[in-house]
């Protein structure tokens, strides 16, 4: 379990971001696309009883009152079905209690946005039992970004795809053990990527959770 803290000016409003579908989950408190406080649940599984206490602990440690939270972002998948449900239920409940909006976002698009500037990006997250969800993003000359459908694939298939995509940068969670031939951007706090993408209007907002089944 890891924590990150920075000083925040008193007049700044904040975003709380929750990602509970990958590993032990992560939470980020951000302002102006800057990480103020972060929590990472490590390699375990997300548990509903851990998320709210972790949020309260972050706010307390960062000395931030709840009235400064203006938006909640939450990962809508792909990832663990149970984790997706935990994250969304927590975010919606907290948003209702605070009277603020909750935004559900595709974690792959958020991760890909962290490699902004690269022409081709492959974003991937583990689904468990040796399978991964991935999506390829391509930036055209006019700046428009196209993407393939999200697919589930085993580790060998993913490594083969990455190996034949020499012009692509791969974006993945930092603790994923995957042999990669091409360049890779490893993300420590996935929740921060959600908040950052939202702040930069690059988050693919979802009405429904993204449940991807393993083949």
Protein backbone atom coordinates (compact mmCIF):
# COMPACT_ATOMS: atom_id res chain seq x y z
CA UNK A 1 0.00 0.00 0.00
CA UNK A 2 1.53 3.33 -1.07
CA UNK A 3 0.61 6.98 -0.39
CA UNK A 4 1.60 10.19 -2.21
CA UNK A 5 1.08 13.74 -0.94
CA UNK A 6 1.70 17.27 -2.22
CA UNK A 7 0.73 20.66 -0.81
CA UNK A 8 -2.49 22.18 -2.20
CA UNK A 9 -3.39 25.87 -2.30
CA UNK A 10 -6.52 26.67 -0.28
CA UNK A 11 -8.53 28.06 -3.21
CA UNK A 12 -8.22 24.97 -5.43
CA UNK A 13 -11.15 22.65 -6.09
CA UNK A 14 -10.40 18.94 -6.40
CA UNK A 15 -11.31 15.74 -8.18
CA UNK A 16 -11.42 12.37 -6.44
CA UNK A 17 -10.72 9.49 -8.81
CA UNK A 18 -11.33 5.80 -8.07
CA UNK A 19 -10.00 2.83 -10.02
CA UNK A 20 -11.00 -0.45 -8.39
CA UNK A 21 -10.95 -2.95 -11.26
CA UNK A 22 -7.18 -3.50 -11.58
CA UNK A 23 -5.25 -5.25 -8.80
CA UNK A 24 -5.86 -3.79 -5.36
CA UNK A 25 -7.16 -0.55 -6.87
CA UNK A 26 -5.99 3.03 -6.63
CA UNK A 27 -7.35 6.42 -5.60
CA UNK A 28 -6.18 9.89 -6.59
CA UNK A 29 -6.92 13.36 -5.28
CA UNK A 30 -6.08 15.91 -7.97
CA UNK A 31 -6.32 19.62 -8.76
CA UNK A 32 -5.50 21.28 -12.08
CA UNK A 33 -4.24 17.97 -13.50
CA UNK A 34 -1.77 17.57 -10.63
CA UNK A 35 -1.67 14.65 -8.21
CA UNK A 36 -2.15 16.00 -4.69
CA UNK A 37 -2.59 12.70 -2.85
CA UNK A 38 -2.62 9.11 -4.02
CA UNK A 39 -3.32 5.65 -2.66
CA UNK A 40 -2.42 2.32 -4.26
CA UNK A 41 -3.79 -0.98 -2.97
CA UNK A 42 -0.93 -3.01 -4.43
CA UNK A 43 -1.27 -6.40 -6.10
CA UNK A 44 -4.22 -7.72 -4.12
CA UNK A 45 -7.91 -7.49 -4.97
CA UNK A 46 -10.09 -4.45 -4.43
CA UNK A 47 -12.43 -4.73 -1.45
CA UNK A 48 -15.47 -2.54 -0.99
CA UNK A 49 -14.66 -2.01 2.68
CA UNK A 50 -11.27 -0.49 1.79
CA UNK A 51 -12.26 2.23 -0.68
CA UNK A 52 -14.15 4.76 1.45
CA UNK A 53 -11.71 4.54 4.40
CA UNK A 54 -8.83 5.08 1.95
CA UNK A 55 -10.56 8.19 0.54
CA UNK A 56 -11.22 9.58 4.00
CA UNK A 57 -7.61 8.87 4.98
CA UNK A 58 -6.30 10.69 1.88
CA UNK A 59 -8.43 13.75 2.57
CA UNK A 60 -7.38 13.79 6.22
CA UNK A 61 -3.67 13.41 5.47
CA UNK A 62 -3.81 16.07 2.74
CA UNK A 63 -5.88 18.35 5.02
CA UNK A 64 -8.60 18.69 2.37
CA UNK A 65 -12.26 19.16 3.33
CA UNK A 66 -14.94 17.30 1.36
CA UNK A 67 -16.57 20.56 0.22
CA UNK A 68 -13.57 21.13 -2.05
CA UNK A 69 -14.33 17.96 -4.01
CA UNK A 70 -16.26 19.02 -7.13
CA UNK A 71 -16.22 15.85 -9.26
CA UNK A 72 -15.68 12.12 -8.81
CA UNK A 73 -14.16 10.06 -11.63
CA UNK A 74 -14.38 6.29 -11.58
CA UNK A 75 -13.00 3.55 -13.79
CA UNK A 76 -15.75 1.77 -15.74
CA UNK A 77 -13.47 -1.04 -16.89
CA UNK A 78 -12.23 -3.15 -18.42
CA UNK A 79 -10.91 -5.20 -15.53
CA UNK A 80 -12.26 -7.27 -12.68
CA UNK A 81 -16.07 -7.47 -12.83
CA UNK A 82 -16.30 -7.24 -9.05
CA UNK A 83 -13.82 -4.37 -8.91
CA UNK A 84 -15.74 -2.41 -11.54
CA UNK A 85 -18.93 -2.77 -9.51
CA UNK A 86 -17.17 -1.77 -6.29
CA UNK A 87 -15.69 1.36 -7.83
CA UNK A 88 -18.89 2.53 -9.53
CA UNK A 89 -21.10 1.84 -6.51
CA UNK A 90 -18.71 3.71 -4.22
CA UNK A 91 -18.39 6.67 -6.60
CA UNK A 92 -22.15 6.98 -7.15
CA UNK A 93 -22.91 6.72 -3.44
CA UNK A 94 -20.28 9.32 -2.54
CA UNK A 95 -21.41 11.64 -5.34
CA UNK A 96 -25.01 11.48 -4.14
CA UNK A 97 -24.02 12.21 -0.56
CA UNK A 98 -21.93 15.23 -1.63
CA UNK A 99 -24.31 16.46 -4.34
CA UNK A 100 -21.64 16.42 -7.05
CA UNK A 101 -21.34 14.64 -10.41
CA UNK A 102 -19.75 11.22 -10.88
CA UNK A 103 -18.13 10.47 -14.24
CA UNK A 104 -17.53 6.90 -15.42
CA UNK A 105 -14.56 6.51 -17.77
CA UNK A 106 -12.78 3.88 -19.85
CA UNK A 107 -9.47 3.16 -18.11
CA UNK A 108 -7.73 2.25 -21.38
CA UNK A 109 -8.47 5.65 -22.93
CA UNK A 110 -7.26 7.34 -19.75
CA UNK A 111 -4.03 5.37 -19.83
CA UNK A 112 -3.50 6.08 -23.54
CA UNK A 113 -3.92 9.80 -22.91
CA UNK A 114 -0.84 9.70 -20.67
CA UNK A 115 1.19 8.93 -23.81
CA UNK A 116 -0.14 12.06 -25.49
CA UNK A 117 2.04 13.01 -28.44
CA UNK A 118 2.76 9.47 -29.62
CA UNK A 119 1.23 8.51 -32.95
CA UNK A 120 0.37 4.93 -31.99
CA UNK A 121 -0.45 3.66 -28.50
CA UNK A 122 -1.40 0.21 -27.21
CA UNK A 123 -3.05 0.37 -23.79
CA UNK A 124 -3.51 -2.85 -21.85
CA UNK A 125 -4.66 -4.06 -18.42
CA UNK A 126 -4.77 -7.58 -16.91
CA UNK A 127 -8.05 -9.47 -16.75
CA UNK A 128 -6.66 -12.36 -14.70
CA UNK A 129 -5.57 -15.93 -15.41
CA UNK A 130 -3.07 -14.83 -18.03
CA UNK A 131 -5.47 -12.73 -20.11
CA UNK A 132 -5.35 -9.02 -20.95
CA UNK A 133 -7.71 -6.42 -22.35
CA UNK A 134 -6.14 -4.11 -24.90
CA UNK A 135 -7.00 -1.37 -27.35
CA UNK A 136 -4.88 0.30 -30.04
CA UNK A 137 -5.03 4.08 -30.55
CA UNK A 138 -3.81 5.88 -33.67
CA UNK A 139 -3.41 9.64 -34.04
CA UNK A 140 -3.90 11.07 -37.53
CA UNK A 141 -2.06 14.07 -38.94
CA UNK A 142 -4.96 16.37 -38.05
CA UNK A 143 -4.85 15.22 -34.41
CA UNK A 144 -7.93 12.98 -34.55
CA UNK A 145 -7.58 9.77 -32.53
CA UNK A 146 -9.07 6.51 -33.80
CA UNK A 147 -9.18 3.32 -31.79
CA UNK A 148 -9.88 -0.35 -32.28
CA UNK A 149 -12.53 -2.24 -30.28
CA UNK A 150 -11.42 -3.52 -26.88
CA UNK A 151 -10.31 -7.14 -27.13
CA UNK A 152 -9.33 -9.86 -24.66
CA UNK A 153 -6.24 -11.88 -25.48
CA UNK A 154 -3.82 -14.23 -23.75
CA UNK A 155 -0.31 -13.13 -22.83
CA UNK A 156 1.40 -14.81 -25.79
CA UNK A 157 -1.01 -13.20 -28.24
CA UNK A 158 -0.52 -9.78 -26.68
CA UNK A 159 3.27 -10.10 -26.72
CA UNK A 160 3.10 -11.10 -30.39
CA UNK A 161 0.97 -8.06 -31.24
CA UNK A 162 3.31 -5.77 -29.35
CA UNK A 163 6.31 -7.36 -31.06
CA UNK A 164 4.91 -6.54 -34.51
CA UNK A 165 4.02 -2.96 -33.53
CA UNK A 166 7.45 -1.39 -33.45
CA UNK A 167 6.07 2.13 -33.94
CA UNK A 168 3.73 1.90 -30.95
CA UNK A 169 4.31 2.77 -27.32
CA UNK A 170 2.70 0.36 -24.85
CA UNK A 171 0.95 1.76 -21.75
CA UNK A 172 0.27 -0.59 -18.85
CA UNK A 173 0.06 -0.67 -15.04
CA UNK A 174 3.44 -0.47 -13.38
CA UNK A 175 3.17 -3.78 -11.53
CA UNK A 176 2.22 -5.89 -14.57
CA UNK A 177 4.96 -8.40 -15.41
CA UNK A 178 4.91 -8.59 -19.19
CA UNK A 179 7.87 -9.00 -21.54
CA UNK A 180 7.70 -6.12 -23.98
CA UNK A 181 9.90 -5.53 -26.97
CA UNK A 182 8.83 -1.98 -27.80
CA UNK A 183 8.82 1.12 -25.62
CA UNK A 184 6.56 1.04 -22.57
CA UNK A 185 5.01 3.66 -20.31
CA UNK A 186 4.25 2.16 -16.90
CA UNK A 187 1.65 3.94 -14.78
CA UNK A 188 1.92 3.89 -10.99
CA UNK A 189 -1.54 5.23 -10.13
CA UNK A 190 -4.29 4.35 -12.62
CA UNK A 191 -6.81 6.54 -10.80
CA UNK A 192 -4.62 9.56 -11.54
CA UNK A 193 -4.71 8.74 -15.26
CA UNK A 194 -8.53 8.87 -15.09
CA UNK A 195 -8.56 12.27 -13.40
CA UNK A 196 -5.84 13.62 -15.67
CA UNK A 197 -7.66 12.51 -18.83
CA UNK A 198 -10.90 14.03 -17.54
CA UNK A 199 -9.18 17.34 -16.71
CA UNK A 200 -7.75 17.47 -20.25
CA UNK A 201 -11.06 16.45 -21.91
CA UNK A 202 -9.46 13.22 -23.15
CA UNK A 203 -11.44 10.73 -21.09
CA UNK A 204 -13.81 8.42 -22.98
CA UNK A 205 -16.90 8.74 -20.78
CA UNK A 206 -19.08 5.63 -20.48
CA UNK A 207 -22.78 5.30 -19.71
CA UNK A 208 -22.37 1.64 -18.82
CA UNK A 209 -19.57 -0.50 -17.31
CA UNK A 210 -17.15 -2.17 -19.72
CA UNK A 211 -17.29 -5.88 -18.97
CA UNK A 212 -14.84 -7.87 -21.14
CA UNK A 213 -14.99 -11.64 -20.80
CA UNK A 214 -11.95 -13.83 -21.27
CA UNK A 215 -12.19 -16.11 -24.35
